[in-house]
Protein backbone atom coordinates (compact mmCIF):
# COMPACT_ATOMS: atom_id res chain seq x y z
CA UNK A 1 17.81 1.55 -38.78
CA UNK A 2 20.33 -0.45 -36.76
CA UNK A 3 21.53 2.75 -35.04
CA UNK A 4 17.96 3.63 -34.15
CA UNK A 5 17.33 0.12 -32.79
CA UNK A 6 20.42 0.28 -30.59
CA UNK A 7 19.41 3.69 -29.28
CA UNK A 8 15.88 2.45 -28.57
CA UNK A 9 17.21 -0.69 -26.87
CA UNK A 10 19.44 1.50 -24.67
CA UNK A 11 16.39 3.65 -23.91
CA UNK A 12 14.68 0.51 -22.63
CA UNK A 13 17.59 -1.08 -20.76
CA UNK A 14 19.26 1.85 -19.01
CA UNK A 15 16.21 3.45 -17.28
CA UNK A 16 14.72 0.01 -16.53
CA UNK A 17 17.93 -1.26 -14.91
CA UNK A 18 18.21 1.93 -12.86
CA UNK A 19 14.57 1.53 -11.79
CA UNK A 20 15.15 -2.11 -10.81
CA UNK A 21 18.24 -1.14 -8.79
CA UNK A 22 16.35 1.65 -7.02
CA UNK A 23 13.04 -0.12 -6.34
CA UNK A 24 13.55 -3.89 -6.51
CA UNK A 25 17.08 -4.92 -5.53
CA UNK A 26 17.41 -5.48 -1.76
CA UNK A 27 20.38 -3.89 0.00
CA UNK A 28 21.54 -4.36 3.57
CA UNK A 29 21.80 -1.24 5.72
CA UNK A 30 22.52 -1.37 9.46
CA UNK A 31 21.71 -5.09 9.70
CA UNK A 32 18.31 -4.79 7.95
CA UNK A 33 17.25 -5.26 4.35
CA UNK A 34 15.67 -2.42 2.41
CA UNK A 35 15.76 -0.80 -1.04
CA UNK A 36 17.70 2.18 -2.36
CA UNK A 37 14.62 4.43 -2.69
CA UNK A 38 13.80 3.90 0.99
CA UNK A 39 17.41 4.65 1.97
CA UNK A 40 17.31 7.86 -0.08
CA UNK A 41 13.98 8.85 1.49
CA UNK A 42 15.30 8.18 5.01
CA UNK A 43 18.43 10.25 4.29
CA UNK A 44 16.45 13.22 3.00
CA UNK A 45 14.02 12.85 5.90
CA UNK A 46 16.96 12.99 8.29
CA UNK A 47 18.24 16.20 6.67
CA UNK A 48 14.83 17.90 6.85
CA UNK A 49 14.25 16.66 10.39
CA UNK A 50 11.96 18.91 12.40
CA UNK A 51 10.59 20.69 9.30
CA UNK A 52 8.68 17.60 8.15
CA UNK A 53 5.63 17.97 10.47
CA UNK A 54 5.19 21.60 9.31
CA UNK A 55 5.57 20.48 5.70
CA UNK A 56 2.78 17.95 6.24
CA UNK A 57 0.59 20.65 7.81
CA UNK A 58 1.16 22.93 4.81
CA UNK A 59 0.38 20.16 2.29
CA UNK A 60 -2.82 19.03 4.02
CA UNK A 61 -4.00 22.63 4.50
CA UNK A 62 -3.35 23.56 0.86
CA UNK A 63 -5.15 20.39 -0.22
CA UNK A 64 -8.24 21.28 1.81
CA UNK A 65 -8.37 24.90 0.62
CA UNK A 66 -7.77 24.12 -3.06
CA UNK A 67 -10.21 21.19 -3.06
CA UNK A 68 -12.96 23.40 -1.59
CA UNK A 69 -12.22 26.02 -4.26
CA UNK A 70 -12.45 23.33 -6.93
CA UNK A 71 -15.79 22.14 -5.55
CA UNK A 72 -17.26 25.65 -5.31
CA UNK A 73 -15.98 26.68 -8.74
CA UNK A 74 -16.22 23.59 -10.99
CA UNK A 75 -13.99 23.76 -14.02
CA UNK A 76 -11.38 26.04 -12.47
CA UNK A 77 -8.72 23.38 -13.01
CA UNK A 78 -9.69 22.59 -16.61
CA UNK A 79 -6.67 22.56 -18.96
CA UNK A 80 -4.45 22.28 -15.85
CA UNK A 81 -4.04 18.49 -15.57
CA UNK A 82 -1.57 18.63 -12.69
CA UNK A 83 -3.91 20.73 -10.54
CA UNK A 84 -6.97 18.74 -11.60
CA UNK A 85 -5.38 15.41 -10.64
CA UNK A 86 -4.40 16.83 -7.24
CA UNK A 87 -7.44 18.89 -6.21
CA UNK A 88 -10.52 17.70 -8.12
CA UNK A 89 -12.56 15.61 -5.66
CA UNK A 90 -16.13 14.61 -4.88
CA UNK A 91 -18.03 16.29 -2.01
CA UNK A 92 -17.36 13.32 0.28
CA UNK A 93 -13.62 13.39 -0.27
CA UNK A 94 -13.63 17.19 0.03
CA UNK A 95 -15.10 16.78 3.53
CA UNK A 96 -12.45 14.17 4.37
CA UNK A 97 -9.66 16.53 3.22
CA UNK A 98 -11.10 19.42 5.24
CA UNK A 99 -11.37 17.20 8.33
CA UNK A 100 -7.80 16.07 7.71
CA UNK A 101 -6.70 19.72 7.81
CA UNK A 102 -8.63 20.35 11.04
CA UNK A 103 -7.14 17.26 12.67
CA UNK A 104 -3.57 18.01 11.61
CA UNK A 105 -3.75 21.56 13.03
CA UNK A 106 -5.14 20.22 16.33
CA UNK A 107 -2.22 17.79 16.56
CA UNK A 108 0.45 20.21 15.35
CA UNK A 109 -0.62 22.94 17.83
CA UNK A 110 -0.82 20.40 20.65
CA UNK A 111 -4.41 21.32 21.54
CA UNK A 112 -5.91 19.28 24.34
CA UNK A 113 -2.57 18.03 25.63
CA UNK A 114 -2.53 19.98 28.88
CA UNK A 115 -2.57 18.22 32.25
CA UNK A 116 -6.03 16.95 33.11
CA UNK A 117 -7.37 17.53 29.59
CA UNK A 118 -10.09 15.15 28.39
CA UNK A 119 -12.53 14.94 25.51
CA UNK A 120 -12.30 14.45 21.75
CA UNK A 121 -9.54 17.05 21.19
CA UNK A 122 -7.36 15.28 23.75
CA UNK A 123 -8.03 11.91 22.09
CA UNK A 124 -7.06 13.32 18.68
CA UNK A 125 -3.80 14.85 19.98
CA UNK A 126 -2.86 11.70 21.91
CA UNK A 127 0.69 10.53 21.02
CA UNK A 128 -0.81 7.11 20.18
CA UNK A 129 -3.45 8.59 17.83
CA UNK A 130 -3.00 11.85 15.92
CA UNK A 131 0.48 12.30 17.35
CA UNK A 132 1.54 8.95 15.91
CA UNK A 133 -0.05 9.62 12.51
CA UNK A 134 1.63 13.02 12.13
CA UNK A 135 4.93 12.34 13.86
CA UNK A 136 5.65 8.76 12.81
CA UNK A 137 3.61 8.02 9.69
CA UNK A 138 3.04 11.24 7.75
CA UNK A 139 6.64 12.42 8.11
CA UNK A 140 7.79 9.17 6.49
CA UNK A 141 5.13 9.05 3.77
CA UNK A 142 5.65 12.66 2.68
CA UNK A 143 9.25 11.90 1.67
CA UNK A 144 8.52 8.47 0.19
CA UNK A 145 5.72 9.92 -1.93
CA UNK A 146 8.00 12.67 -3.24
CA UNK A 147 11.06 10.53 -3.99
CA UNK A 148 9.23 7.43 -5.21
CA UNK A 149 6.72 9.50 -7.18
CA UNK A 150 9.45 11.32 -9.06
CA UNK A 151 11.40 8.13 -9.78
CA UNK A 152 8.53 5.72 -10.55
CA UNK A 153 8.60 6.61 -14.26
CA UNK A 154 11.85 4.61 -14.45
CA UNK A 155 9.74 1.50 -13.87
CA UNK A 156 6.63 2.67 -15.70
CA UNK A 157 7.58 4.63 -18.79
CA UNK A 158 10.43 2.79 -20.50
CA UNK A 159 8.99 -0.62 -21.34
CA UNK A 160 9.87 -2.69 -18.27
CA UNK A 161 6.25 -3.49 -17.42
CA UNK A 162 5.48 -4.37 -21.03
CA UNK A 163 8.41 -6.78 -21.14
CA UNK A 164 7.65 -8.39 -17.75
CA UNK A 165 3.94 -8.49 -18.57
CA UNK A 166 4.47 -10.46 -21.76
CA UNK A 167 6.85 -12.89 -20.02
CA UNK A 168 4.62 -13.59 -17.00
CA UNK A 169 1.06 -13.33 -18.34
CA UNK A 170 0.77 -17.13 -18.69
CA UNK A 171 1.56 -17.45 -14.98
CA UNK A 172 -0.21 -14.46 -13.43
CA UNK A 173 -3.43 -14.65 -15.46
CA UNK A 174 -4.42 -18.29 -14.77
CA UNK A 175 -3.39 -18.20 -11.10
CA UNK A 176 -4.35 -14.71 -9.98
CA UNK A 177 -6.55 -13.33 -12.81
CA UNK A 178 -4.29 -10.32 -13.34
CA UNK A 179 -1.78 -9.23 -16.02
CA UNK A 180 1.82 -10.35 -15.88
CA UNK A 181 3.04 -6.78 -15.34
CA UNK A 182 1.51 -6.92 -11.84
CA UNK A 183 4.50 -9.02 -10.78
CA UNK A 184 6.51 -5.78 -10.65
CA UNK A 185 3.96 -4.23 -8.23
CA UNK A 186 4.18 -7.27 -5.98
CA UNK A 187 7.96 -7.49 -5.96
CA UNK A 188 8.31 -3.76 -5.27
CA UNK A 189 5.99 -4.12 -2.25
CA UNK A 190 7.64 -7.29 -0.99
CA UNK A 191 11.21 -6.01 -1.07
CA UNK A 192 10.51 -2.36 -0.39
CA UNK A 193 7.22 -1.05 0.98
CA UNK A 194 3.51 -1.74 0.44
CA UNK A 195 2.84 1.96 -0.15
CA UNK A 196 5.11 1.86 -3.22
CA UNK A 197 3.08 -1.03 -4.61
CA UNK A 198 -0.16 0.92 -4.18
CA UNK A 199 1.39 3.97 -5.86
CA UNK A 200 2.46 1.85 -8.81
CA UNK A 201 -0.96 0.19 -9.07
CA UNK A 202 -2.81 3.54 -8.95
CA UNK A 203 -0.58 4.88 -11.71
CA UNK A 204 -1.22 1.87 -13.93
CA UNK A 205 -4.99 1.98 -13.33
CA UNK A 206 -5.23 5.70 -14.09
CA UNK A 207 -3.15 5.14 -17.23
CA UNK A 208 -5.55 2.47 -18.51
CA UNK A 209 -3.20 -0.51 -18.16
CA UNK A 210 -5.28 -2.24 -15.46
CA UNK A 211 -9.04 -2.68 -15.42
CA UNK A 212 -11.07 -1.78 -12.32
CA UNK A 213 -11.14 -5.44 -11.29
CA UNK A 214 -7.43 -6.01 -11.91
CA UNK A 215 -6.37 -2.86 -10.04
CA UNK A 216 -8.60 -3.78 -7.09
CA UNK A 217 -7.09 -7.26 -6.91
CA UNK A 218 -3.50 -6.03 -7.15
CA UNK A 219 -3.87 -3.25 -4.56
CA UNK A 220 -5.61 -5.42 -1.96
CA UNK A 221 -3.75 -8.68 -2.60
CA UNK A 222 -0.28 -7.92 -3.92
CA UNK A 223 0.74 -4.80 -1.96
CA UNK A 224 2.58 -7.07 0.43
CA UNK A 225 4.17 -6.10 3.72
CA UNK A 226 7.93 -5.70 3.36
CA UNK A 227 10.36 -8.27 4.73
CA UNK A 228 11.83 -5.61 7.00
CA UNK A 229 8.55 -4.86 8.77
CA UNK A 230 7.78 -8.56 9.08
CA UNK A 231 10.99 -8.87 11.08
CA UNK A 232 9.90 -5.97 13.32
CA UNK A 233 6.58 -7.71 14.05
CA UNK A 234 8.22 -11.02 14.95
CA UNK A 235 10.78 -9.28 17.15
CA UNK A 236 7.93 -7.55 18.99
CA UNK A 237 6.52 -10.93 20.10
CA UNK A 238 10.05 -12.17 20.97
CA UNK A 239 10.16 -15.11 18.54
CA UNK A 240 12.99 -14.19 16.17
CA UNK A 241 14.40 -17.72 16.31
CA UNK A 242 11.38 -18.81 14.22
CA UNK A 243 11.89 -16.28 11.42
CA UNK A 244 12.53 -18.83 8.64
CA UNK A 245 9.34 -20.83 9.18
CA UNK A 246 7.48 -17.64 10.06
CA UNK A 247 8.20 -16.05 6.69
CA UNK A 248 7.43 -19.29 4.85
CA UNK A 249 3.98 -19.23 6.49
CA UNK A 250 3.47 -15.62 5.38
CA UNK A 251 4.43 -16.46 1.78
CA UNK A 252 2.19 -19.55 1.71
CA UNK A 253 -0.81 -17.64 3.04
CA UNK A 254 -0.11 -14.74 0.68
CA UNK A 255 -0.16 -17.05 -2.36
CA UNK A 256 -3.34 -18.84 -1.21
CA UNK A 257 -5.11 -15.51 -0.61
CA UNK A 258 -3.96 -14.24 -4.00
CA UNK A 259 -5.47 -17.33 -5.67
CA UNK A 260 -8.76 -17.39 -3.72
CA UNK A 261 -9.76 -13.74 -3.19
CA UNK A 262 -10.04 -12.74 -6.89
CA UNK A 263 -12.56 -15.57 -7.30
CA UNK A 264 -14.96 -14.51 -4.52
CA UNK A 265 -16.85 -11.27 -3.73
CA UNK A 266 -16.19 -8.41 -3.45
CA UNK A 267 -13.21 -8.64 -5.84
CA UNK A 268 -14.94 -11.05 -8.23
CA UNK A 269 -17.78 -8.54 -8.65
CA UNK A 270 -15.57 -5.70 -9.89
CA UNK A 271 -15.98 -4.82 -13.57
CA UNK A 272 -13.35 -5.14 -16.29
CA UNK A 273 -13.73 -1.50 -17.27
CA UNK A 274 -10.85 0.91 -17.93
CA UNK A 275 -10.35 4.59 -17.14
CA UNK A 276 -8.48 4.86 -20.44
CA UNK A 277 -9.42 2.47 -23.25
CA UNK A 278 -6.92 0.80 -25.55
CA UNK A 279 -3.84 0.72 -23.30
CA UNK A 280 -4.12 -2.80 -21.89
CA UNK A 281 -1.78 -5.42 -23.36
CA UNK A 282 -3.21 -8.27 -25.46
CA UNK A 283 -3.25 -11.57 -23.59
CA UNK A 284 -2.13 -13.72 -26.51
CA UNK A 285 0.96 -13.46 -28.72
CA UNK A 286 -0.08 -11.82 -32.01
CA UNK A 287 0.88 -13.39 -35.30
CA UNK A 288 4.43 -12.73 -36.43
CA UNK A 289 6.07 -13.37 -33.06
CA UNK A 290 7.87 -16.61 -32.26
CA UNK A 291 8.22 -16.23 -28.49
CA UNK A 292 7.01 -14.29 -25.45
CA UNK A 293 10.49 -12.79 -25.14
CA UNK A 294 10.38 -11.39 -28.67
CA UNK A 295 6.86 -10.04 -28.18
CA UNK A 296 7.69 -8.44 -24.83
CA UNK A 297 10.84 -6.81 -26.17
CA UNK A 298 8.95 -5.40 -29.15
CA UNK A 299 6.29 -3.92 -26.83
CA UNK A 300 9.00 -2.43 -24.63
CA UNK A 301 10.80 -0.80 -27.58
CA UNK A 302 7.54 0.64 -28.91
CA UNK A 303 6.90 2.19 -25.49
CA UNK A 304 10.35 3.79 -25.56
CA UNK A 305 9.75 5.19 -29.04
CA UNK A 306 6.51 6.81 -27.83
CA UNK A 307 8.25 8.50 -24.90
CA UNK A 308 8.82 12.25 -25.25
CA UNK A 309 12.04 12.51 -23.30
CA UNK A 310 13.15 14.24 -20.12
CA UNK A 311 10.23 16.68 -20.02
CA UNK A 312 7.67 13.86 -20.01
CA UNK A 313 9.70 11.97 -17.40
CA UNK A 314 9.55 14.88 -14.95
CA UNK A 315 5.91 15.71 -15.78
CA UNK A 316 4.85 12.13 -14.99
CA UNK A 317 6.98 12.06 -11.85
CA UNK A 318 5.52 15.35 -10.62
CA UNK A 319 2.00 14.12 -11.29
CA UNK A 320 2.68 11.00 -9.21
CA UNK A 321 4.19 12.94 -6.31
CA UNK A 322 1.66 15.80 -6.29
CA UNK A 323 -1.29 13.40 -6.53
CA UNK A 324 -0.10 11.40 -3.52
CA UNK A 325 0.83 14.50 -1.49
CA UNK A 326 -2.39 16.43 -1.90
CA UNK A 327 -4.76 13.52 -2.51
CA UNK A 328 -3.63 10.87 -0.05
CA UNK A 329 -1.90 12.59 2.89
CA UNK A 330 -5.10 14.37 4.05
CA UNK A 331 -6.95 11.04 3.97
CA UNK A 332 -4.18 9.38 6.00
CA UNK A 333 -4.42 12.15 8.61
CA UNK A 334 -8.22 12.04 8.87
CA UNK A 335 -9.06 8.35 8.66
CA UNK A 336 -5.86 7.10 10.31
CA UNK A 337 -6.39 9.33 13.35
CA UNK A 338 -10.09 8.49 13.61
CA UNK A 339 -9.35 4.76 13.50
CA UNK A 340 -6.69 5.04 16.21
CA UNK A 341 -8.98 7.17 18.40
CA UNK A 342 -11.60 4.41 18.22
CA UNK A 343 -9.01 1.70 18.89
CA UNK A 344 -7.53 3.52 21.89
CA UNK A 345 -10.71 4.80 23.54
CA UNK A 346 -13.47 2.31 22.83
CA UNK A 347 -14.01 -1.43 23.07
CA UNK A 348 -15.33 -1.61 19.51
CA UNK A 349 -12.50 -3.82 18.25
CA UNK A 350 -12.85 -6.16 21.24
CA UNK A 351 -16.53 -6.56 20.37
CA UNK A 352 -15.81 -7.09 16.70
CA UNK A 353 -13.25 -9.76 17.57
CA UNK A 354 -15.66 -11.85 19.63
CA UNK A 355 -17.21 -13.68 16.63
CA UNK A 356 -13.75 -15.14 15.98
CA UNK A 357 -13.66 -16.80 19.41
CA UNK A 358 -15.50 -20.01 18.32
CA UNK A 359 -13.13 -20.39 15.34
CA UNK A 360 -10.07 -19.92 17.57
CA UNK A 361 -11.42 -22.47 20.04
CA UNK A 362 -12.18 -24.90 17.20
CA UNK A 363 -8.59 -24.50 15.99
CA UNK A 364 -7.41 -25.10 19.59
CA UNK A 365 -5.54 -21.82 19.93
CA UNK A 366 -4.26 -21.31 23.51
CA UNK A 367 -5.54 -18.17 25.27
CA UNK A 368 -8.27 -17.87 22.63
CA UNK A 369 -10.16 -15.09 24.46
CA UNK A 370 -7.08 -12.86 24.59
CA UNK A 371 -6.24 -13.72 20.97
CA UNK A 372 -9.74 -12.77 19.79
CA UNK A 373 -9.10 -9.18 20.92
CA UNK A 374 -6.35 -8.87 18.29
CA UNK A 375 -8.41 -10.10 15.34
CA UNK A 376 -9.98 -6.84 14.14
CA UNK A 377 -7.70 -4.21 15.63
CA UNK A 378 -5.24 -5.00 12.82
CA UNK A 379 -7.70 -3.34 10.44
CA UNK A 380 -6.55 -0.05 11.96
CA UNK A 381 -2.84 -0.72 12.40
CA UNK A 382 -0.69 -3.75 11.54
CA UNK A 383 1.64 -3.38 14.51
CA UNK A 384 -1.05 -3.19 17.23
CA UNK A 385 -1.93 -6.93 17.33
CA UNK A 386 1.70 -7.87 18.03
CA UNK A 387 1.94 -5.17 20.73
CA UNK A 388 -1.18 -6.57 22.42
CA UNK A 389 0.16 -10.12 22.08
CA UNK A 390 3.50 -9.19 23.60
CA UNK A 391 1.83 -7.59 26.60
CA UNK A 392 -1.04 -9.97 27.35
CA UNK A 393 -0.36 -13.43 25.89
CA UNK A 394 2.06 -15.94 27.40
CA UNK A 395 1.72 -18.80 24.87
CA UNK A 396 4.54 -18.70 22.26
CA UNK A 397 2.29 -20.54 19.79
CA UNK A 398 -0.47 -17.94 20.08
CA UNK A 399 2.01 -15.08 19.76
CA UNK A 400 3.40 -16.77 16.63
CA UNK A 401 -0.10 -17.11 15.14
CA UNK A 402 -0.86 -13.43 15.82
CA UNK A 403 2.49 -12.34 14.33
CA UNK A 404 1.66 -14.24 11.13
CA UNK A 405 -1.93 -13.16 10.58
CA UNK A 406 -1.24 -9.54 11.56
CA UNK A 407 1.04 -9.38 8.50
CA UNK A 408 -1.11 -11.44 6.11
CA UNK A 409 -4.31 -9.44 6.92
CA UNK A 410 -2.66 -6.77 4.74
CA UNK A 411 -5.43 -4.12 4.78
CA UNK A 412 -4.47 -1.49 7.39
CA UNK A 413 -6.39 1.77 7.59
CA UNK A 414 -3.43 3.78 8.86
CA UNK A 415 -1.38 2.95 5.76
CA UNK A 416 -2.44 0.70 2.85
CA UNK A 417 -6.17 1.15 3.50
CA UNK A 418 -6.22 4.94 3.41
CA UNK A 419 -3.94 5.02 0.37
CA UNK A 420 -6.46 2.89 -1.49
CA UNK A 421 -9.46 4.90 -0.23
CA UNK A 422 -7.78 8.17 -1.16
CA UNK A 423 -6.94 6.99 -4.67
CA UNK A 424 -9.12 6.57 -7.76
CA UNK A 425 -9.19 2.80 -7.29
CA UNK A 426 -12.78 1.47 -7.27
CA UNK A 427 -12.52 0.01 -3.75
CA UNK A 428 -14.90 1.18 -1.03
CA UNK A 429 -14.48 1.07 2.75
CA UNK A 430 -16.92 -1.86 2.96
CA UNK A 431 -14.90 -3.75 0.33
CA UNK A 432 -11.72 -3.26 2.35
CA UNK A 433 -13.33 -4.54 5.54
CA UNK A 434 -14.78 -7.63 3.85
CA UNK A 435 -11.43 -8.42 2.19
CA UNK A 436 -9.72 -7.94 5.57
CA UNK A 437 -12.12 -10.45 7.18
CA UNK A 438 -11.62 -12.94 4.34
CA UNK A 439 -7.84 -12.70 4.65
CA UNK A 440 -8.09 -13.13 8.43
CA UNK A 441 -10.14 -16.33 8.20
CA UNK A 442 -7.92 -17.82 5.48
CA UNK A 443 -4.81 -16.94 7.48
CA UNK A 444 -6.14 -18.56 10.66
CA UNK A 445 -7.23 -21.75 8.90
CA UNK A 446 -3.73 -22.17 7.46
CA UNK A 447 -1.45 -20.92 10.23
CA UNK A 448 -3.12 -22.54 13.26
CA UNK A 449 -2.58 -26.19 12.15
CA UNK A 450 0.98 -25.29 11.12
CA UNK A 451 1.60 -23.64 14.50
CA UNK A 452 0.47 -26.82 16.27
CA UNK A 453 3.13 -28.74 14.31
CA UNK A 454 5.84 -26.12 14.91
CA UNK A 455 5.21 -25.86 18.67
CA UNK A 456 4.36 -29.53 19.26
């Protein structure tokens, strides 16, 4: 019995520690902080180099073809869970995947890029629209999805979330209305990358560990922007000397949003229903346990005992990776490109930002008219507001405000937003936009008074 307990304990500790080292421990590489999984993904991406765009084209094309086949011949993927999870989709998402394939071929073939070319094809192939999505975003995500997907079971399948969940439930539940295990999602996003947090959340929701409401809260509130990218945003507006107070503002706003948003629509209206019943952890310590630590450890060891070894590890990892490749990448290509085409070629985001002008004037933000143009464009891309600020706004205080809220808005269609929309999470486009607006208002109300003190 003792031998079995030691073996089970090792089965909990060794994979969990490796997972923590890969996903959650920050390391410094070339003067910037990141995580080991991201370093590994960047290294593999560097080796594959110019093949990555073609790989993305192949993945998105296969996704479109197989999804259409699945729609035309229902049941073809029955008893093939890997294929079903990747290619079974509703008619709406089938259309999105097909459009994603059309768009990626237009961009890959360089259609509409000749001298004097105009029209929709030219807008799609623009280096700042479809060219950016394929060349800069997809080629990064395709490797992250593969590497992180294969390795995520180290965090998910060997009891770490059960142990952390038991230890932190009394903190996370009262404050944020979510299970304690969500702390791992948040920390993975914060240190590493928001896309990893969404992947982790999707996995937990599909496994029945989060309810629809909990998963919606975690994906839209805790998939934080990494420290590294926050630095990039602040550098863009040329205010790196304020990094300490800048990141404190981001953390403060993030906590306030995480407390408030679960208590108001649309997140408060989500149901506590599960895709798989009976997997969620009890909220209270059952009889027979003397501490949260003892209870969490017992849950972790039971999870290890239920695990079926190396085969299950690779099956779960493949399911993660394949689901993100064929389910999410086509959505990124379609919706991300469409959003950037609208941002680059229409004044729609300028118009949508105008209602914020009275609030900015009330908060005495310098160059309020110029600042209002950055309010909604962040819904498409997080980096765009800081680019606009750097090019059009002279006031350091206003540039600081924009650098803060562009990070705390959190919902970006060209990354986090499309990952959520392409997943099984019960969050609609309208929900994302409302949450984005709520985060924007909360961010402004907090950061503007602080900015007046900082730049007094």
